[in-house]
Structures are given as structure tokens and as C-alpha cells.
């Protein structure tokens, strides 16, 4: 959606507060079974802020054990002319039309997309030379750079430039 801008700086924080405790009332905080010498090797909260070369920023928050009103997944996009949100599978668009603020909820219908099947079809089209790849190796390289820098930022407690 953003045209794969180049990441230039990241800031991240990770927390592991609920391991082996009953502090979280999250339904997800009780995954698995407790073991005497078990290993808990993943954070329960990770917050990320990524700055790109086109002055776009991305904020991401992942949590599997938090004291929140309701577990949920959502996406918000904020632009200069419009914004969008997807909450509980409902898409809403926000913006301005004829000088008035508008809140639009498109009727999406019940059409389900087989994302895996679409990826396979695209792969075949690329192999046959009919389409250019949507994803190129550099995107994967950039993602690894971002993830590595985010964990480094969390260790340092400071922004990391890429």
C-alpha cells in the first residue's frame, strides 16, 4: 500500500512481565502447560515504531498477554486526505467530501478471498513470465534489518538508525 519505502530508523520496546505468573487475566496468557524447567522465550508485549525515507511512519503493537478490556486485532491507516480502520473485520473510511467530514462503511459482501490460492496463482504466473513478482528479495532483506534493529533498540532503550 505504501510502495515499499526504505526504512531509515526504528525504535522498539519489549516486555516479558506475565511469564509464570497469574498477573494477566488475558485468555491467551495461559497458553500451554507449565513445566518445572520450562522455557518462556518470547515477550508478551512488543511495541515498534518505524520511520521510512518518504516521511511515513509505522506503529505496531503485538501482545498475547495483556490486561485489556478485550483481546482484538485492528488496523488503522492515517493519511492527509483520508484514513481507514479495520476492526472486527469491518472496514471504515474517514475523510472529507465537499467540505464535510465523512465516515463511510463500504458494503463488502460475503465474498471470501482464498489468499493462499491467490499467492500460488501469482507464483505460477511469475514462473511462466506472465507477471512480475509482487515481492522481491530486497523486501525480505529490509524486513530482517528492521526486526534486528527493533530488538537492538529494545536492548539499548534508544532509536536505531538503519
Protein backbone atom coordinates (compact mmCIF):
# COMPACT_ATOMS: atom_id res chain seq x y z
CA UNK A 1 0.00 0.00 0.00
CA UNK A 2 2.91 2.36 0.67
CA UNK A 3 5.08 1.28 -2.25
CA UNK A 4 7.74 -0.35 -0.01
CA UNK A 5 9.61 2.73 1.18
CA UNK A 6 13.11 2.27 2.64
CA UNK A 7 13.29 2.01 6.46
CA UNK A 8 15.67 4.60 7.98
CA UNK A 9 15.19 4.35 11.76
CA UNK A 10 13.39 2.17 14.30
CA UNK A 11 12.51 2.30 17.95
CA UNK A 12 11.28 -0.71 19.86
CA UNK A 13 10.45 -1.91 23.35
CA UNK A 14 9.72 -5.43 24.55
CA UNK A 15 8.30 -6.67 27.83
CA UNK A 16 8.07 -10.07 29.47
CA UNK A 17 6.02 -9.49 32.61
CA UNK A 18 3.49 -12.32 32.76
CA UNK A 19 5.69 -15.42 32.43
CA UNK A 20 4.99 -17.84 35.25
CA UNK A 21 2.55 -15.50 36.99
CA UNK A 22 -1.19 -15.11 37.30
CA UNK A 23 -0.96 -11.34 36.75
CA UNK A 24 -2.74 -11.26 33.39
CA UNK A 25 -6.40 -12.08 33.04
CA UNK A 26 -5.98 -12.41 29.27
CA UNK A 27 -7.45 -15.60 27.86
CA UNK A 28 -4.19 -16.01 25.93
CA UNK A 29 -1.86 -15.72 28.92
CA UNK A 30 -2.50 -19.31 29.93
CA UNK A 31 -1.27 -20.97 26.69
CA UNK A 32 0.46 -24.32 27.12
CA UNK A 33 1.14 -26.27 30.25
CA UNK A 34 3.55 -25.23 32.99
CA UNK A 35 6.71 -27.30 33.25
CA UNK A 36 9.17 -27.34 36.15
CA UNK A 37 12.18 -26.48 33.98
CA UNK A 38 10.18 -24.94 31.13
CA UNK A 39 11.46 -22.12 28.98
CA UNK A 40 9.49 -18.96 28.28
CA UNK A 41 11.41 -17.28 25.48
CA UNK A 42 9.04 -14.79 23.92
CA UNK A 43 7.94 -11.37 25.02
CA UNK A 44 4.32 -10.80 26.00
CA UNK A 45 4.30 -7.24 24.61
CA UNK A 46 6.32 -5.67 21.80
CA UNK A 47 5.88 -2.08 20.65
CA UNK A 48 7.53 -0.86 17.44
CA UNK A 49 7.91 2.47 15.67
CA UNK A 50 9.46 2.50 12.19
CA UNK A 51 10.39 5.62 10.21
CA UNK A 52 10.73 5.42 6.40
CA UNK A 53 12.59 7.59 3.88
CA UNK A 54 9.34 9.03 2.47
CA UNK A 55 8.38 10.57 5.86
CA UNK A 56 5.88 7.77 6.56
CA UNK A 57 5.84 6.14 9.98
CA UNK A 58 4.51 2.78 11.09
CA UNK A 59 3.49 1.93 14.64
CA UNK A 60 2.95 -1.71 15.57
CA UNK A 61 1.94 -3.26 18.85
CA UNK A 62 1.80 -7.00 19.46
CA UNK A 63 0.65 -8.60 22.66
CA UNK A 64 -0.53 -12.04 23.64
CA UNK A 65 -0.89 -11.44 27.37
CA UNK A 66 -2.22 -8.05 28.44
CA UNK A 67 -4.69 -6.67 30.91
CA UNK A 68 -7.05 -5.11 28.39
CA UNK A 69 -10.81 -4.85 28.10
CA UNK A 70 -10.95 -7.19 25.12
CA UNK A 71 -8.39 -9.10 23.04
CA UNK A 72 -8.58 -7.93 19.45
CA UNK A 73 -6.87 -7.29 16.16
CA UNK A 74 -7.22 -3.98 14.36
CA UNK A 75 -5.55 -1.88 11.70
CA UNK A 76 -5.61 1.89 11.32
CA UNK A 77 -4.22 3.92 8.42
CA UNK A 78 -3.95 7.69 8.71
CA UNK A 79 -3.32 9.85 5.68
CA UNK A 80 -3.56 13.53 4.85
CA UNK A 81 -6.73 13.15 2.80
CA UNK A 82 -8.34 10.08 4.34
CA UNK A 83 -7.97 7.37 6.91
CA UNK A 84 -9.22 3.84 7.32
CA UNK A 85 -9.73 1.30 10.04
CA UNK A 86 -10.49 -2.39 10.14
CA UNK A 87 -11.90 -3.52 13.48
CA UNK A 88 -13.59 -6.90 13.94
CA UNK A 89 -13.48 -7.38 10.19
CA UNK A 90 -15.36 -4.14 9.41
CA UNK A 91 -13.75 -1.59 7.09
CA UNK A 92 -14.47 2.09 7.73
CA UNK A 93 -13.15 5.04 5.75
CA UNK A 94 -12.82 8.56 7.13
CA UNK A 95 -12.19 11.75 5.24
CA UNK A 96 -13.73 14.87 3.79
CA UNK A 97 -16.17 15.31 0.93
CA UNK A 98 -17.40 18.73 -0.24
CA UNK A 99 -16.02 20.34 2.92
CA UNK A 100 -17.78 17.90 5.25
CA UNK A 101 -16.25 15.15 7.36
CA UNK A 102 -17.47 11.72 6.30
CA UNK A 103 -17.45 8.28 7.86
CA UNK A 104 -18.04 5.63 5.19
CA UNK A 105 -18.57 1.95 5.81
CA UNK A 106 -18.33 0.11 2.47
CA UNK A 107 -20.57 -2.89 1.92
CA UNK A 108 -18.09 -5.64 1.28
CA UNK A 109 -20.50 -8.52 0.80
CA UNK A 110 -19.72 -12.10 1.74
CA UNK A 111 -17.01 -12.66 -0.88
CA UNK A 112 -14.16 -14.57 0.69
CA UNK A 113 -10.73 -14.46 -0.89
CA UNK A 114 -8.56 -17.55 -0.81
CA UNK A 115 -5.31 -15.68 -0.06
CA UNK A 116 -3.18 -18.82 -0.19
CA UNK A 117 -4.65 -19.80 -3.55
CA UNK A 118 -4.06 -16.28 -4.89
CA UNK A 119 -0.39 -16.46 -3.84
CA UNK A 120 0.01 -19.82 -5.60
CA UNK A 121 -1.61 -18.45 -8.78
CA UNK A 122 0.67 -15.41 -8.70
CA UNK A 123 3.73 -17.64 -8.18
CA UNK A 124 2.80 -19.73 -11.24
CA UNK A 125 2.21 -16.57 -13.32
CA UNK A 126 5.67 -15.26 -12.31
CA UNK A 127 7.36 -18.58 -13.16
CA UNK A 128 5.63 -18.55 -16.54
CA UNK A 129 6.85 -14.99 -17.17
CA UNK A 130 3.32 -13.51 -17.28
CA UNK A 131 3.66 -11.31 -14.18
CA UNK A 132 6.37 -9.51 -12.25
CA UNK A 133 6.83 -10.68 -8.66
CA UNK A 134 4.92 -8.65 -6.08
CA UNK A 135 7.64 -9.35 -3.53
CA UNK A 136 11.32 -9.18 -4.31
CA UNK A 137 14.27 -10.43 -2.21
CA UNK A 138 15.18 -6.88 -1.10
CA UNK A 139 11.87 -6.65 0.79
CA UNK A 140 12.88 -9.68 2.85
CA UNK A 141 16.32 -8.20 3.47
CA UNK A 142 14.71 -4.93 4.63
CA UNK A 143 12.36 -6.85 6.94
CA UNK A 144 15.25 -8.71 8.61
CA UNK A 145 17.13 -5.40 9.03
CA UNK A 146 14.02 -3.87 10.65
CA UNK A 147 13.45 -6.81 13.01
CA UNK A 148 17.09 -7.00 14.05
CA UNK A 149 17.24 -3.24 14.66
CA UNK A 150 13.99 -3.30 16.63
CA UNK A 151 15.35 -5.86 19.09
CA UNK A 152 18.62 -3.89 19.28
CA UNK A 153 16.62 -0.74 20.01
CA UNK A 154 14.76 -2.55 22.80
CA UNK A 155 18.12 -3.65 24.30
CA UNK A 156 19.60 -0.15 24.09
CA UNK A 157 16.47 1.75 25.04
CA UNK A 158 17.10 4.10 22.11
CA UNK A 159 16.29 4.61 18.43
CA UNK A 160 18.49 2.70 15.96
CA UNK A 161 19.29 4.19 12.54
CA UNK A 162 19.41 1.85 9.56
